[in-house]
C-alpha atoms as a PDB file:
ATOM      1  CA  MET A   1      30.014  93.849   7.302  1.00  0.00           C
ATOM      2  CA  SER A   2      32.285  96.135   5.248  1.00  0.00           C
ATOM      3  CA  GLY A   3      35.885  95.225   4.540  1.00  0.00           C
ATOM      4  CA  PRO A   4      37.489  98.046   6.502  1.00  0.00           C
ATOM      5  CA  LEU A   5      35.466  97.290   9.606  1.00  0.00           C
ATOM      6  CA  LYS A   6      36.377  93.576   9.443  1.00  0.00           C
ATOM      7  CA  LYS A   7      40.039  94.342   9.117  1.00  0.00           C
ATOM      8  CA  LYS A   8      39.810  96.739  12.012  1.00  0.00           C
ATOM      9  CA  ARG A   9      38.343  94.102  14.305  1.00  0.00           C
ATOM     10  CA  LEU A  10      40.949  91.491  13.226  1.00  0.00           C
ATOM     11  CA  LYS A  11      43.642  94.040  13.875  1.00  0.00           C
ATOM     12  CA  LYS A  12      42.345  94.597  17.375  1.00  0.00           C
ATOM     13  CA  ALA A  13      42.229  90.832  18.088  1.00  0.00           C
ATOM     14  CA  VAL A  14      45.649  90.188  16.670  1.00  0.00           C
ATOM     15  CA  GLU A  15      48.040  93.070  17.050  1.00  0.00           C
ATOM     16  CA  SER A  16      50.828  91.761  14.877  1.00  0.00           C
ATOM     17  CA  SER A  17      51.449  89.258  12.095  1.00  0.00           C
ATOM     18  CA  SER A  18      54.220  87.593  14.111  1.00  0.00           C
ATOM     19  CA  LEU A  19      51.727  86.622  16.813  1.00  0.00           C
ATOM     20  CA  ARG A  20      49.436  85.235  14.176  1.00  0.00           C
ATOM     21  CA  ASP A  21      52.288  83.160  12.797  1.00  0.00           C
ATOM     22  CA  GLU A  22      53.102  81.858  16.258  1.00  0.00           C
ATOM     23  CA  TRP A  23      49.516  80.794  16.875  1.00  0.00           C
ATOM     24  CA  PHE A  24      49.352  79.120  13.522  1.00  0.00           C
ATOM     25  CA  LYS A  25      52.523  77.180  14.233  1.00  0.00           C
ATOM     26  CA  GLU A  26      51.159  76.075  17.608  1.00  0.00           C
ATOM     27  CA  TYR A  27      47.971  74.908  15.936  1.00  0.00           C
ATOM     28  CA  VAL A  28      49.883  72.953  13.294  1.00  0.00           C
ATOM     29  CA  GLY A  29      52.158  71.443  15.958  1.00  0.00           C
ATOM     30  CA  ALA A  30      49.216  70.349  18.094  1.00  0.00           C
ATOM     31  CA  SER A  31      47.554  68.750  15.086  1.00  0.00           C
ATOM     32  CA  ALA A  32      50.774  66.961  14.195  1.00  0.00           C
ATOM     33  CA  ARG A  33      51.190  65.699  17.768  1.00  0.00           C
ATOM     34  CA  ASN A  34      47.626  64.373  17.806  1.00  0.00           C
ATOM     35  CA  GLN A  35      48.166  62.640  14.494  1.00  0.00           C
ATOM     36  CA  GLY A  36      51.488  61.256  15.780  1.00  0.00           C
ATOM     37  CA  ARG A  37      49.848  59.796  18.873  1.00  0.00           C
ATOM     38  CA  GLU A  38      47.130  58.188  16.760  1.00  0.00           C
ATOM     39  CA  SER A  39      49.755  56.865  14.350  1.00  0.00           C
ATOM     40  CA  GLU A  40      51.822  55.384  17.219  1.00  0.00           C
ATOM     41  CA  GLU A  41      48.748  53.660  18.647  1.00  0.00           C
ATOM     42  CA  ASP A  42      47.945  52.147  15.251  1.00  0.00           C
ATOM     43  CA  VAL A  43      51.525  50.971  14.830  1.00  0.00           C
ATOM     44  CA  GLY A  44      51.469  49.465  18.330  1.00  0.00           C
ATOM     45  CA  LYS A  45      48.270  47.581  17.604  1.00  0.00           C
ATOM     46  CA  GLU A  46      49.657  46.281  14.317  1.00  0.00           C
ATOM     47  CA  TRP A  47      52.873  45.235  16.049  1.00  0.00           C
ATOM     48  CA  GLU A  48      50.979  43.340  18.756  1.00  0.00           C
ATOM     49  CA  LYS A  49      48.903  41.611  16.086  1.00  0.00           C
ATOM     50  CA  LEU A  50      52.061  40.678  14.198  1.00  0.00           C
ATOM     51  CA  GLU A  51      53.648  39.293  17.371  1.00  0.00           C
ATOM     52  CA  ARG A  52      50.566  37.146  18.051  1.00  0.00           C
ATOM     53  CA  VAL A  53      50.658  35.782  14.505  1.00  0.00           C
ATOM     54  CA  GLU A  54      54.382  35.037  14.766  1.00  0.00           C
ATOM     55  CA  ALA A  55      53.893  33.353  18.167  1.00  0.00           C
ATOM     56  CA  SER A  56      51.101  31.222  16.707  1.00  0.00           C
ATOM     57  CA  ILE A  57      53.323  30.259  13.778  1.00  0.00           C
ATOM     58  CA  ARG A  58      56.192  29.331  16.119  1.00  0.00           C
ATOM     59  CA  GLU A  59      53.877  27.188  18.271  1.00  0.00           C
ATOM     60  CA  ARG A  60      52.515  25.487  15.169  1.00  0.00           C
ATOM     61  CA  GLU A  61      56.056  24.796  13.971  1.00  0.00           C
ATOM     62  CA  LYS A  62      56.876  23.241  17.358  1.00  0.00           C
ATOM     63  CA  GLU A  63      53.752  21.073  17.186  1.00  0.00           C
ATOM     64  CA  VAL A  64      54.637  19.951  13.658  1.00  0.00           C
ATOM     65  CA  GLN A  65      58.176  19.161  14.818  1.00  0.00           C
ATOM     66  CA  ARG A  66      56.896  17.136  17.770  1.00  0.00           C
ATOM     67  CA  THR A  67      54.512  15.208  15.515  1.00  0.00           C
ATOM     68  CA  LEU A  68      57.274  14.593  12.996  1.00  0.00           C
ATOM     69  CA  SER A  69      59.664  13.415  15.713  1.00  0.00           C
ATOM     70  CA  THR A  70      57.038  11.007  17.068  1.00  0.00           C
ATOM     71  CA  HIS A  71      56.359   9.695  13.573  1.00  0.00           C
ATOM     72  CA  LEU A  72      60.068   9.209  12.896  1.00  0.00           C
ATOM     73  CA  ARG A  73      60.544   7.369  16.200  1.00  0.00           C
ATOM     74  CA  GLU A  74      57.598   5.087  15.437  1.00  0.00           C
ATOM     75  CA  ARG A  75      58.910   4.458  11.931  1.00  0.00           C
ATOM     76  CA  ASP A  76      62.363   3.624  13.280  1.00  0.00           C
ATOM     77  CA  LYS A  77      60.785   1.342  15.868  1.00  0.00           C
ATOM     78  CA  GLU A  78      58.745  -0.449  13.196  1.00  0.00           C
ATOM     79  CA  ARG A  79      61.849  -0.808  11.033  1.00  0.00           C
ATOM     80  CA  GLU A  80      63.813  -2.319  13.917  1.00  0.00           C
ATOM     81  CA  LEU A  81      60.923  -4.634  14.778  1.00  0.00           C
ATOM     82  CA  HIS A  82      60.702  -5.752  11.155  1.00  0.00           C
ATOM     83  CA  LYS A  83      64.441  -6.448  11.060  1.00  0.00           C
ATOM     84  CA  HIS A  84      64.136  -8.384  14.321  1.00  0.00           C
ATOM     85  CA  ASP A  85      61.245 -10.494  12.986  1.00  0.00           C
ATOM     86  CA  GLU A  86      63.166 -11.187   9.787  1.00  0.00           C
ATOM     87  CA  ALA A  87      66.163 -12.340  11.820  1.00  0.00           C
ATOM     88  CA  ILE A  88      63.952 -14.759  13.775  1.00  0.00           C
ATOM     89  CA  GLN A  89      62.460 -16.156  10.556  1.00  0.00           C
ATOM     90  CA  HIS A  90      65.934 -16.633   9.048  1.00  0.00           C
ATOM     91  CA  PHE A  91      67.104 -18.402  12.203  1.00  0.00           C
ATOM     92  CA  ARG A  92      64.068 -20.696  12.233  1.00  0.00           C
ATOM     93  CA  ALA A  93      64.697 -21.611   8.593  1.00  0.00           C
ATOM     94  CA  LEU A  94      68.336 -22.295   9.434  1.00  0.00           C
ATOM     95  CA  LEU A  95      67.352 -24.582  12.314  1.00  0.00           C
ATOM     96  CA  ALA A  96      64.767 -26.404  10.193  1.00  0.00           C
ATOM     97  CA  ASP A  97      67.444 -27.225   7.607  1.00  0.00           C
ATOM     98  CA  LEU A  98      70.314 -28.142   9.919  1.00  0.00           C
ATOM     99  CA  VAL A  99      68.840 -29.341  13.230  1.00  0.00           C
ATOM    100  CA  ARG A 100      66.683 -32.443  12.836  1.00  0.00           C
ATOM    101  CA  SER A 101      67.521 -34.296  16.018  1.00  0.00           C
ATOM    102  CA  THR A 102      66.081 -33.580  19.452  1.00  0.00           C
ATOM    103  CA  ASP A 103      69.092 -35.119  21.201  1.00  0.00           C
ATOM    104  CA  VAL A 104      71.380 -32.101  20.742  1.00  0.00           C
ATOM    105  CA  SER A 105      71.999 -28.921  22.716  1.00  0.00           C
ATOM    106  CA  PHE A 106      72.395 -25.414  21.370  1.00  0.00           C
ATOM    107  CA  HIS A 107      76.057 -25.433  22.351  1.00  0.00           C
ATOM    108  CA  GLU A 108      76.616 -28.572  20.261  1.00  0.00           C
ATOM    109  CA  VAL A 109      75.008 -27.262  17.072  1.00  0.00           C
ATOM    110  CA  LYS A 110      76.222 -23.661  17.265  1.00  0.00           C
ATOM    111  CA  LYS A 111      79.451 -24.420  15.390  1.00  0.00           C
ATOM    112  CA  ILE A 112      77.506 -26.049  12.563  1.00  0.00           C
ATOM    113  CA  LEU A 113      75.099 -23.117  12.377  1.00  0.00           C
ATOM    114  CA  ARG A 114      77.908 -20.557  12.216  1.00  0.00           C
ATOM    115  CA  ARG A 115      79.414 -22.224   9.161  1.00  0.00           C
ATOM    116  CA  ASP A 116      76.218 -21.525   7.210  1.00  0.00           C
ATOM    117  CA  HIS A 117      76.154 -18.236   5.256  1.00  0.00           C
ATOM    118  CA  ARG A 118      72.726 -17.422   6.733  1.00  0.00           C
ATOM    119  CA  TRP A 119      74.212 -17.049  10.201  1.00  0.00           C
ATOM    120  CA  VAL A 120      75.029 -13.376   9.494  1.00  0.00           C
ATOM    121  CA  MET A 121      71.301 -12.752   9.031  1.00  0.00           C
ATOM    122  CA  VAL A 122      70.602 -13.522  12.684  1.00  0.00           C
ATOM    123  CA  GLY A 123      72.987 -10.891  14.007  1.00  0.00           C
ATOM    124  CA  GLU A 124      70.027  -8.850  15.283  1.00  0.00           C
ATOM    125  CA  LEU A 125      69.268 -11.536  17.876  1.00  0.00           C
ATOM    126  CA  THR A 126      70.834 -11.738  21.303  1.00  0.00           C
ATOM    127  CA  ARG A 127      72.279 -14.981  22.639  1.00  0.00           C
ATOM    128  CA  GLU A 128      69.235 -15.443  24.871  1.00  0.00           C
ATOM    129  CA  GLU A 129      66.880 -14.968  21.914  1.00  0.00           C
ATOM    130  CA  ARG A 130      68.784 -17.485  19.778  1.00  0.00           C
ATOM    131  CA  GLU A 131      68.657 -20.049  22.578  1.00  0.00           C
ATOM    132  CA  ARG A 132      64.934 -19.426  23.087  1.00  0.00           C
ATOM    133  CA  VAL A 133      64.166 -19.901  19.370  1.00  0.00           C
ATOM    134  CA  PHE A 134      66.337 -23.041  19.382  1.00  0.00           C
ATOM    135  CA  GLU A 135      64.385 -24.500  22.327  1.00  0.00           C
ATOM    136  CA  GLU A 136      61.102 -23.706  20.569  1.00  0.00           C
ATOM    137  CA  HIS A 137      62.376 -25.517  17.484  1.00  0.00           C
ATOM    138  CA  ILE A 138      63.410 -28.568  19.541  1.00  0.00           C
ATOM    139  CA  ASN A 139      60.026 -28.686  21.302  1.00  0.00           C
ATOM    140  CA  ILE A 140      58.102 -28.515  18.020  1.00  0.00           C
ATOM    141  CA  LEU A 141      60.371 -31.162  16.515  1.00  0.00           C
ATOM    142  CA  TYR A 142      59.936 -33.380  19.581  1.00  0.00           C
ATOM    143  CA  ARG A 143      56.135 -33.153  19.461  1.00  0.00           C
ATOM    144  CA  LYS A 144      56.095 -34.166  15.800  1.00  0.00           C
ATOM    145  CA  LYS A 145      58.470 -37.093  16.349  1.00  0.00           C
ATOM    146  CA  LYS A 146      56.555 -38.139  19.462  1.00  0.00           C
ATOM    147  CA  GLU A 147      53.307 -38.167  17.488  1.00  0.00           C
ATOM    148  CA  LYS A 148      54.885 -40.414  14.843  1.00  0.00           C
ATOM    149  CA  PHE A 149      56.384 -42.695  17.505  1.00  0.00           C
ATOM    150  CA  ARG A 150      53.013 -43.155  19.207  1.00  0.00           C
ATOM    151  CA  GLU A 151      51.406 -43.723  15.834  1.00  0.00           C
ATOM    152  CA  LEU A 152      53.869 -46.585  15.339  1.00  0.00           C
ATOM    153  CA  LEU A 153      52.966 -48.072  18.740  1.00  0.00           C
ATOM    154  CA  ASP A 154      49.257 -47.843  17.892  1.00  0.00           C
ATOM    155  CA  GLU A 155      49.918 -49.812  14.711  1.00  0.00           C
ATOM    156  CA  THR A 156      51.855 -52.541  16.529  1.00  0.00           C
ATOM    157  CA  PRO A 157      49.312 -55.227  17.556  1.00  0.00           C
ATOM    158  CA  GLU A 158      51.728 -56.859  20.001  1.00  0.00           C
ATOM    159  CA  VAL A 159      51.602 -53.803  22.268  1.00  0.00           C
ATOM    160  CA  ASP A 160      49.506 -54.567  25.359  1.00  0.00           C
ATOM    161  CA  LEU A 161      48.997 -52.605  28.539  1.00  0.00           C
ATOM    162  CA  ASP A 162      51.497 -54.903  30.293  1.00  0.00           C
ATOM    163  CA  SER A 163      54.100 -54.960  27.503  1.00  0.00           C
ATOM    164  CA  THR A 164      57.726 -54.089  28.242  1.00  0.00           C
ATOM    165  CA  TRP A 165      59.991 -51.868  26.174  1.00  0.00           C
ATOM    166  CA  LYS A 166      62.420 -54.735  25.675  1.00  0.00           C
ATOM    167  CA  GLU A 167      59.685 -56.830  24.053  1.00  0.00           C
ATOM    168  CA  ILE A 168      58.424 -54.095  21.769  1.00  0.00           C
ATOM    169  CA  LYS A 169      61.766 -52.540  20.892  1.00  0.00           C
ATOM    170  CA  ARG A 170      62.902 -55.524  18.820  1.00  0.00           C
ATOM    171  CA  LEU A 171      59.676 -55.283  16.798  1.00  0.00           C
ATOM    172  CA  ILE A 172      59.861 -51.595  15.916  1.00  0.00           C
ATOM    173  CA  LYS A 173      63.548 -50.621  16.110  1.00  0.00           C
ATOM    174  CA  ASN A 174      63.993 -50.619  12.315  1.00  0.00           C
ATOM    175  CA  ASP A 175      61.024 -48.373  11.664  1.00  0.00           C
ATOM    176  CA  PRO A 176      62.077 -44.752  10.877  1.00  0.00           C
ATOM    177  CA  ARG A 177      59.438 -43.480  13.296  1.00  0.00           C
ATOM    178  CA  CYS A 178      61.332 -45.230  16.073  1.00  0.00           C
ATOM    179  CA  PHE A 179      64.966 -44.330  15.421  1.00  0.00           C
ATOM    180  CA  LYS A 180      64.052 -40.821  14.254  1.00  0.00           C
ATOM    181  CA  PHE A 181      62.257 -40.194  17.521  1.00  0.00           C
ATOM    182  CA  SER A 182      65.503 -40.547  19.444  1.00  0.00           C
ATOM    183  CA  SER A 183      68.808 -42.342  19.303  1.00  0.00           C
ATOM    184  CA  ASN A 184      68.733 -42.505  23.086  1.00  0.00           C
ATOM    185  CA  ASP A 185      67.276 -45.837  24.208  1.00  0.00           C
ATOM    186  CA  ARG A 186      66.331 -44.549  27.658  1.00  0.00           C
ATOM    187  CA  LYS A 187      64.438 -41.682  26.109  1.00  0.00           C
ATOM    188  CA  CYS A 188      62.488 -44.097  23.909  1.00  0.00           C
ATOM    189  CA  GLU A 189      61.725 -46.353  26.856  1.00  0.00           C
ATOM    190  CA  LYS A 190      60.520 -43.414  28.933  1.00  0.00           C
ATOM    191  CA  GLU A 191      58.150 -42.305  26.176  1.00  0.00           C
ATOM    192  CA  PHE A 192      56.932 -45.892  25.743  1.00  0.00           C
ATOM    193  CA  LYS A 193      56.010 -46.049  29.441  1.00  0.00           C
ATOM    194  CA  GLU A 194      54.228 -42.705  29.202  1.00  0.00           C
ATOM    195  CA  TYR A 195      52.332 -44.073  26.214  1.00  0.00           C
ATOM    196  CA  LEU A 196      51.182 -47.145  28.198  1.00  0.00           C
ATOM    197  CA  LYS A 197      50.146 -44.957  31.122  1.00  0.00           C
ATOM    198  CA  ASP A 198      47.961 -42.825  28.841  1.00  0.00           C
ATOM    199  CA  LYS A 199      46.535 -45.929  27.185  1.00  0.00           C
ATOM    200  CA  LEU A 200      45.609 -47.405  30.575  1.00  0.00           C
ATOM    201  CA  LEU A 201      43.795 -44.247  31.673  1.00  0.00           C
ATOM    202  CA  ALA A 202      41.884 -44.178  28.392  1.00  0.00           C
ATOM    203  CA  ALA A 203      41.055 -47.908  28.650  1.00  0.00           C
ATOM    204  CA  LYS A 204      39.621 -47.486  32.152  1.00  0.00           C
ATOM    205  CA  ALA A 205      37.504 -44.535  31.047  1.00  0.00           C
ATOM    206  CA  ASP A 206      36.221 -46.545  28.067  1.00  0.00           C
ATOM    207  CA  PHE A 207      35.392 -49.499  30.340  1.00  0.00           C
ATOM    208  CA  ARG A 208      33.344 -47.268  32.654  1.00  0.00           C
ATOM    209  CA  GLU A 209      31.399 -46.023  29.641  1.00  0.00           C
ATOM    210  CA  LEU A 210      30.747 -49.634  28.641  1.00  0.00           C
ATOM    211  CA  LEU A 211      29.332 -50.389  32.095  1.00  0.00           C
ATOM    212  CA  LYS A 212      26.971 -47.420  31.813  1.00  0.00           C
ATOM    213  CA  GLU A 213      25.770 -48.675  28.435  1.00  0.00           C
ATOM    214  CA  THR A 214      25.108 -52.230  29.675  1.00  0.00           C
ATOM    215  CA  LYS A 215      21.379 -52.322  30.443  1.00  0.00           C
ATOM    216  CA  MET A 216      21.409 -55.531  32.465  1.00  0.00           C
ATOM    217  CA  ILE A 217      23.539 -53.786  35.092  1.00  0.00           C
ATOM    218  CA  THR A 218      21.250 -52.030  37.592  1.00  0.00           C
ATOM    219  CA  TYR A 219      21.241 -50.928  41.216  1.00  0.00           C
ATOM    220  CA  LYS A 220      20.136 -54.500  42.103  1.00  0.00           C
ATOM    221  CA  SER A 221      23.121 -56.162  40.425  1.00  0.00           C
ATOM    222  CA  ARG A 222      25.476 -56.250  43.409  1.00  0.00           C
ATOM    223  CA  LYS A 223      22.910 -58.063  45.581  1.00  0.00           C
ATOM    224  CA  LEU A 224      22.048 -60.447  42.745  1.00  0.00           C
ATOM    225  CA  ILE A 225      25.726 -61.365  42.407  1.00  0.00           C
ATOM    226  CA  GLU A 226      25.693 -62.571  46.019  1.00  0.00           C
ATOM    227  CA  GLU A 227      22.636 -64.722  45.425  1.00  0.00           C
ATOM    228  CA  THR A 228      22.996 -65.912  41.805  1.00  0.00           C
ATOM    229  CA  ASP A 229      25.449 -66.230  38.902  1.00  0.00           C
ATOM    230  CA  HIS A 230      24.612 -62.687  37.843  1.00  0.00           C
ATOM    231  CA  LEU A 231      28.312 -61.722  37.648  1.00  0.00           C
ATOM    232  CA  THR A 232      29.014 -64.516  35.162  1.00  0.00           C
ATOM    233  CA  ARG A 233      26.138 -63.385  32.970  1.00  0.00           C
ATOM    234  CA  ILE A 234      27.343 -59.759  33.111  1.00  0.00           C
ATOM    235  CA  GLU A 235      30.866 -60.752  32.104  1.00  0.00           C
ATOM    236  CA  LYS A 236      29.513 -62.884  29.271  1.00  0.00           C
ATOM    237  CA  VAL A 237      27.780 -59.821  27.843  1.00  0.00           C
ATOM    238  CA  LEU A 238      30.812 -57.570  28.360  1.00  0.00           C
ATOM    239  CA  GLN A 239      33.124 -60.014  26.569  1.00  0.00           C
ATOM    240  CA  ASN A 240      31.536 -59.040  23.275  1.00  0.00           C
ATOM    241  CA  ASP A 241      33.009 -55.550  23.526  1.00  0.00           C
ATOM    242  CA  ARG A 242      36.614 -54.564  22.820  1.00  0.00           C
ATOM    243  CA  ARG A 243      36.564 -52.142  25.774  1.00  0.00           C
ATOM    244  CA  TYR A 244      36.325 -55.145  28.093  1.00  0.00           C
ATOM    245  CA  LEU A 245      38.860 -57.288  26.269  1.00  0.00           C
ATOM    246  CA  VAL A 246      41.585 -54.633  26.176  1.00  0.00           C
ATOM    247  CA  LEU A 247      41.922 -54.971  29.966  1.00  0.00           C
ATOM    248  CA  HIS A 248      42.509 -58.740  29.812  1.00  0.00           C
ATOM    249  CA  CYS A 249      46.046 -58.351  31.128  1.00  0.00           C
ATOM    250  CA  MET A 250      44.760 -56.896  34.404  1.00  0.00           C
ATOM    251  CA  ASP A 251      41.746 -59.031  35.148  1.00  0.00           C
ATOM    252  CA  ASP A 252      41.714 -58.297  38.891  1.00  0.00           C
ATOM    253  CA  GLU A 253      41.753 -54.547  38.373  1.00  0.00           C
ATOM    254  CA  ARG A 254      39.010 -54.846  35.766  1.00  0.00           C
ATOM    255  CA  THR A 255      36.850 -56.778  38.250  1.00  0.00           C
ATOM    256  CA  ASP A 256      37.523 -54.137  40.905  1.00  0.00           C
ATOM    257  CA  LEU A 257      36.314 -51.442  38.511  1.00  0.00           C
ATOM    258  CA  LEU A 258      33.137 -53.432  37.840  1.00  0.00           C
ATOM    259  CA  MET A 259      32.374 -54.038  41.523  1.00  0.00           C
ATOM    260  CA  SER A 260      33.086 -50.403  42.402  1.00  0.00           C
ATOM    261  CA  TYR A 261      30.591 -49.328  39.758  1.00  0.00           C
ATOM    262  CA  LEU A 262      27.943 -51.768  41.085  1.00  0.00           C
ATOM    263  CA  GLU A 263      28.387 -50.472  44.635  1.00  0.00           C
ATOM    264  CA  THR A 264      27.916 -46.903  43.408  1.00  0.00           C
ATOM    265  CA  LEU A 265      24.668 -47.868  41.671  1.00  0.00           C
ATOM    266  CA  GLU A 266      23.416 -49.643  44.789  1.00  0.00           C
ATOM    267  CA  ARG A 267      24.049 -46.577  46.958  1.00  0.00           C
ATOM    268  CA  LYS A 268      22.186 -44.351  44.529  1.00  0.00           C
ATOM    269  CA  GLY A 269      19.199 -46.700  44.458  1.00  0.00           C
ATOM    270  CA  PRO A 270      16.566 -46.851  41.728  1.00  0.00           C
ATOM    271  CA  PRO A 271      16.671 -44.088  39.141  1.00  0.00           C
ATOM    272  CA  HIS A 272      14.314 -41.205  39.825  1.00  0.00           C
ATOM    273  CA  ILE A 273      11.384 -41.119  37.420  1.00  0.00           C
ATOM    274  CA  ALA A 274       9.711 -37.755  37.170  1.00  0.00           C
ATOM    275  CA  SER A 275       5.946 -38.022  37.534  1.00  0.00           C
ATOM    276  CA  GLU A 276       3.838 -36.583  34.774  1.00  0.00           C
ATOM    277  CA  PRO A 277       2.036 -33.358  35.628  1.00  0.00           C
ATOM    278  CA  ILE A 278      -1.637 -33.730  36.551  1.00  0.00           C
ATOM    279  CA  ARG A 279      -3.789 -32.452  33.750  1.00  0.00           C
ATOM    280  CA  CYS A 280      -7.154 -30.946  34.512  1.00  0.00           C
ATOM    281  CA  SER A 281      -9.877 -32.483  32.395  1.00  0.00           C
ATOM    282  CA  SER A 282     -12.017 -30.016  30.563  1.00  0.00           C
ATOM    283  CA  LYS A 283     -15.704 -30.213  31.281  1.00  0.00           C
END
């Protein structure tokens, strides 16, 4: 197509240059608006992404803060517990050094304890806790002294199951294991009686074991005693054992124990002997 003809057609389509300029401006404006909308959408997406990241960071910071707070509370709790345990150990050491008698109360020794420089180390403890630790100390001390006191009684050959405190006291009163146990005579006498009670129970149990070990005693023994001198022969055998002799001070009760055992054997009858299984002979 020739140049003049082309220009002619363009001239017909667009009558003036001002109209062409207006169309061009509209085209440029539309393109700019489209680009603006796309740009705004991109910015919005980036902004939303940024907000999500910032929200995640804030939540993580909160989680870290919560974890840190929990850790700090636990550390403070452990520190307080450690201080409390140290205070108890200091108080126990203080009691071990200054309280060696079981005949005192906490009220009586408190003034002595307060004069010691270590008293300030037990400031973490409440009054109830100090009294509880004091009672624990007294109980431990009492058990140790009681063990030594009973050891002394075991070593005193004059002590029999029917002995009195008055008889034994004069024999052991100068032994440290006696006067260290307690300065209270009634307390010593009470423990002495408890000791004899325990010894009697043990002696009876030992005597029953002796009867079980004596082979000449059977389920027939009680009837034989009625007909023969079987009881005398039993007692003659038993006299060779300390477990029989230790009950010499209560001969009637010892005989009652023996007869009660014989009656029990008689009621049970002869011991059951399991028969051997029948074996089939091989042919």
